[in-house]
Amino acid sequence: MLLYADLGRTGQTRRYIGAGPFRIKLGYSPGVRLRFNGGDVDLQPFTRRDVANLTVGANAQSGDASEPTPST
């Protein structure tokens, strides 16, 4: 389910609250700072051709609720 889609502008902030996991796709990840549960998320491991695909919120494999994982 798509929650939100838009072109971001310089300086804009988005905040989402809810029960995870959250699947995120960022169309130009070098221009984004992503924070989750108070910590910065390194987008580089999830980025190909400037597009980042990742899931945050519930890592069922490790039980860690904050560790991002790749998504497709």
N, C-alpha and C. Protein backbone atom coordinates (compact mmCIF):
# COMPACT_ATOMS: atom_id res chain seq x y z
N MET A 1 0.84 -1.17 0.00
CA MET A 1 0.00 0.00 0.00
C MET A 1 0.89 1.24 0.00
N LEU A 2 0.61 2.17 -0.86
CA LEU A 2 1.34 3.42 -0.93
C LEU A 2 0.70 4.42 0.03
N LEU A 3 1.52 4.93 0.94
CA LEU A 3 1.03 5.91 1.91
C LEU A 3 1.19 7.34 1.38
N TYR A 4 2.35 7.60 0.73
CA TYR A 4 2.63 8.96 0.32
C TYR A 4 3.58 8.97 -0.86
N ALA A 5 3.34 9.85 -1.82
CA ALA A 5 4.23 10.05 -2.95
C ALA A 5 4.22 11.53 -3.31
N ASP A 6 5.42 12.10 -3.50
CA ASP A 6 5.51 13.52 -3.83
C ASP A 6 6.96 13.84 -4.18
N LEU A 7 7.15 14.97 -4.83
CA LEU A 7 8.49 15.48 -5.06
C LEU A 7 8.83 16.38 -3.88
N GLY A 8 9.92 16.08 -3.21
CA GLY A 8 10.34 16.89 -2.08
C GLY A 8 11.01 18.17 -2.52
N ARG A 9 10.98 19.15 -1.67
CA ARG A 9 11.63 20.43 -1.92
C ARG A 9 12.73 20.61 -0.89
N THR A 10 13.72 21.40 -1.22
CA THR A 10 14.82 21.67 -0.31
C THR A 10 14.29 22.17 1.04
N GLY A 11 14.78 21.56 2.11
CA GLY A 11 14.40 21.98 3.44
C GLY A 11 13.13 21.38 3.99
N GLN A 12 12.38 20.64 3.19
CA GLN A 12 11.13 20.04 3.67
C GLN A 12 11.41 18.86 4.60
N THR A 13 10.50 18.68 5.54
CA THR A 13 10.57 17.57 6.47
C THR A 13 9.27 16.80 6.42
N ARG A 14 9.37 15.49 6.45
CA ARG A 14 8.18 14.63 6.52
C ARG A 14 8.31 13.79 7.79
N ARG A 15 7.21 13.59 8.47
CA ARG A 15 7.22 12.77 9.68
C ARG A 15 6.02 11.83 9.64
N TYR A 16 6.31 10.54 9.84
CA TYR A 16 5.26 9.53 9.83
C TYR A 16 5.34 8.75 11.13
N ILE A 17 4.18 8.50 11.71
CA ILE A 17 4.10 7.76 12.97
C ILE A 17 3.13 6.61 12.76
N GLY A 18 3.52 5.42 13.20
CA GLY A 18 2.64 4.27 13.08
C GLY A 18 3.39 3.00 13.38
N ALA A 19 2.68 1.90 13.26
CA ALA A 19 3.27 0.60 13.50
C ALA A 19 3.97 0.13 12.23
N GLY A 20 5.23 -0.25 12.36
CA GLY A 20 6.01 -0.75 11.22
C GLY A 20 5.67 -2.18 10.92
N PRO A 21 6.30 -2.72 9.95
CA PRO A 21 7.43 -2.16 9.24
C PRO A 21 7.00 -1.15 8.17
N PHE A 22 7.95 -0.29 7.80
CA PHE A 22 7.73 0.71 6.78
C PHE A 22 8.63 0.41 5.59
N ARG A 23 8.05 0.22 4.43
CA ARG A 23 8.81 0.00 3.20
C ARG A 23 8.98 1.35 2.52
N ILE A 24 10.21 1.73 2.26
CA ILE A 24 10.52 3.07 1.77
C ILE A 24 11.24 3.00 0.44
N LYS A 25 10.82 3.84 -0.50
CA LYS A 25 11.51 4.00 -1.78
C LYS A 25 11.75 5.49 -1.96
N LEU A 26 13.03 5.85 -2.10
CA LEU A 26 13.42 7.24 -2.28
C LEU A 26 13.99 7.41 -3.66
N GLY A 27 13.39 8.27 -4.46
CA GLY A 27 13.77 8.44 -5.85
C GLY A 27 15.10 9.12 -6.08
N TYR A 28 15.56 9.94 -5.16
CA TYR A 28 16.89 10.54 -5.27
C TYR A 28 17.51 10.54 -3.87
N SER A 29 18.01 9.40 -3.48
CA SER A 29 18.49 9.24 -2.10
C SER A 29 19.67 10.12 -1.72
N PRO A 30 20.57 10.53 -2.65
CA PRO A 30 21.65 11.41 -2.21
C PRO A 30 21.14 12.75 -1.65
N GLY A 31 19.93 13.14 -1.96
CA GLY A 31 19.37 14.39 -1.47
C GLY A 31 18.52 14.23 -0.23
N VAL A 32 18.61 13.06 0.43
CA VAL A 32 17.71 12.76 1.56
C VAL A 32 18.51 12.44 2.81
N ARG A 33 18.01 12.92 3.94
CA ARG A 33 18.50 12.48 5.24
C ARG A 33 17.35 11.74 5.89
N LEU A 34 17.53 10.46 6.16
CA LEU A 34 16.48 9.64 6.76
C LEU A 34 16.84 9.32 8.20
N ARG A 35 15.89 9.59 9.09
CA ARG A 35 16.06 9.24 10.51
C ARG A 35 14.94 8.29 10.89
N PHE A 36 15.27 7.32 11.73
CA PHE A 36 14.27 6.36 12.20
C PHE A 36 14.53 6.11 13.68
N ASN A 37 13.50 6.28 14.49
CA ASN A 37 13.59 6.12 15.94
C ASN A 37 14.77 6.90 16.52
N GLY A 38 14.97 8.12 16.04
CA GLY A 38 15.98 9.00 16.59
C GLY A 38 17.39 8.83 16.03
N GLY A 39 17.59 7.87 15.15
CA GLY A 39 18.93 7.65 14.59
C GLY A 39 18.96 7.83 13.09
N ASP A 40 20.12 8.25 12.59
CA ASP A 40 20.29 8.39 11.14
C ASP A 40 20.40 7.01 10.49
N VAL A 41 19.82 6.88 9.30
CA VAL A 41 19.89 5.65 8.52
C VAL A 41 20.84 5.88 7.35
N ASP A 42 21.85 5.02 7.22
CA ASP A 42 22.78 5.09 6.09
C ASP A 42 22.08 4.49 4.88
N LEU A 43 21.79 5.31 3.89
CA LEU A 43 21.06 4.85 2.70
C LEU A 43 21.95 4.19 1.66
N GLN A 44 23.25 4.41 1.73
CA GLN A 44 24.17 3.92 0.71
C GLN A 44 24.05 2.42 0.45
N PRO A 45 23.97 1.57 1.47
CA PRO A 45 23.87 0.13 1.19
C PRO A 45 22.59 -0.29 0.46
N PHE A 46 21.59 0.58 0.46
CA PHE A 46 20.29 0.26 -0.13
C PHE A 46 20.04 1.01 -1.44
N THR A 47 21.06 1.73 -1.92
CA THR A 47 20.90 2.61 -3.07
C THR A 47 21.56 2.05 -4.32
N ARG A 48 20.82 2.06 -5.41
CA ARG A 48 21.31 1.70 -6.74
C ARG A 48 20.81 2.77 -7.70
N ARG A 49 21.73 3.35 -8.46
CA ARG A 49 21.37 4.41 -9.42
C ARG A 49 20.58 5.53 -8.76
N ASP A 50 21.01 5.95 -7.58
CA ASP A 50 20.42 7.04 -6.79
C ASP A 50 19.03 6.75 -6.23
N VAL A 51 18.53 5.52 -6.35
CA VAL A 51 17.23 5.15 -5.80
C VAL A 51 17.45 4.17 -4.65
N ALA A 52 16.92 4.51 -3.48
CA ALA A 52 17.06 3.65 -2.30
C ALA A 52 15.76 2.89 -2.06
N ASN A 53 15.88 1.59 -1.78
CA ASN A 53 14.76 0.74 -1.41
C ASN A 53 15.13 0.03 -0.11
N LEU A 54 14.35 0.28 0.94
CA LEU A 54 14.64 -0.35 2.22
C LEU A 54 13.38 -0.47 3.06
N THR A 55 13.47 -1.29 4.09
CA THR A 55 12.38 -1.47 5.04
C THR A 55 12.94 -1.18 6.43
N VAL A 56 12.24 -0.38 7.21
CA VAL A 56 12.61 -0.13 8.59
C VAL A 56 11.43 -0.47 9.48
N GLY A 57 11.73 -0.82 10.73
CA GLY A 57 10.63 -0.99 11.67
C GLY A 57 10.52 -2.34 12.31
N ALA A 58 10.74 -3.40 11.58
CA ALA A 58 10.61 -4.73 12.18
C ALA A 58 11.42 -5.73 11.37
N ASN A 59 12.57 -6.08 11.89
CA ASN A 59 13.41 -7.07 11.23
C ASN A 59 13.12 -8.42 11.86
N ALA A 60 12.25 -9.17 11.25
CA ALA A 60 11.81 -10.45 11.81
C ALA A 60 12.96 -11.44 11.95
N GLN A 61 13.98 -11.34 11.10
CA GLN A 61 15.09 -12.29 11.16
C GLN A 61 15.95 -12.10 12.40
N SER A 62 16.23 -10.85 12.76
CA SER A 62 17.13 -10.61 13.89
C SER A 62 16.39 -10.18 15.15
N GLY A 63 15.12 -9.81 15.01
CA GLY A 63 14.37 -9.33 16.15
C GLY A 63 14.68 -7.88 16.49
N ASP A 64 15.57 -7.25 15.75
CA ASP A 64 15.93 -5.85 15.97
C ASP A 64 14.88 -4.96 15.30
N ALA A 65 14.23 -4.14 16.08
CA ALA A 65 13.13 -3.32 15.56
C ALA A 65 13.61 -2.11 14.79
N SER A 66 14.90 -1.78 14.80
CA SER A 66 15.34 -0.56 14.17
C SER A 66 16.31 -0.76 13.02
N GLU A 67 16.82 -1.94 12.80
CA GLU A 67 17.81 -2.18 11.75
C GLU A 67 17.15 -2.22 10.39
N PRO A 68 17.56 -1.34 9.46
CA PRO A 68 16.97 -1.35 8.11
C PRO A 68 17.39 -2.59 7.33
N THR A 69 16.51 -3.02 6.44
CA THR A 69 16.79 -4.17 5.58
C THR A 69 16.43 -3.79 4.14
N PRO A 70 17.06 -4.44 3.16
CA PRO A 70 16.72 -4.16 1.76
C PRO A 70 15.28 -4.55 1.47
N SER A 71 14.64 -3.83 0.57
CA SER A 71 13.32 -4.23 0.09
C SER A 71 13.31 -4.10 -1.43
N THR A 72 12.37 -4.78 -2.06
CA THR A 72 12.29 -4.74 -3.51
C THR A 72 11.04 -4.04 -3.97
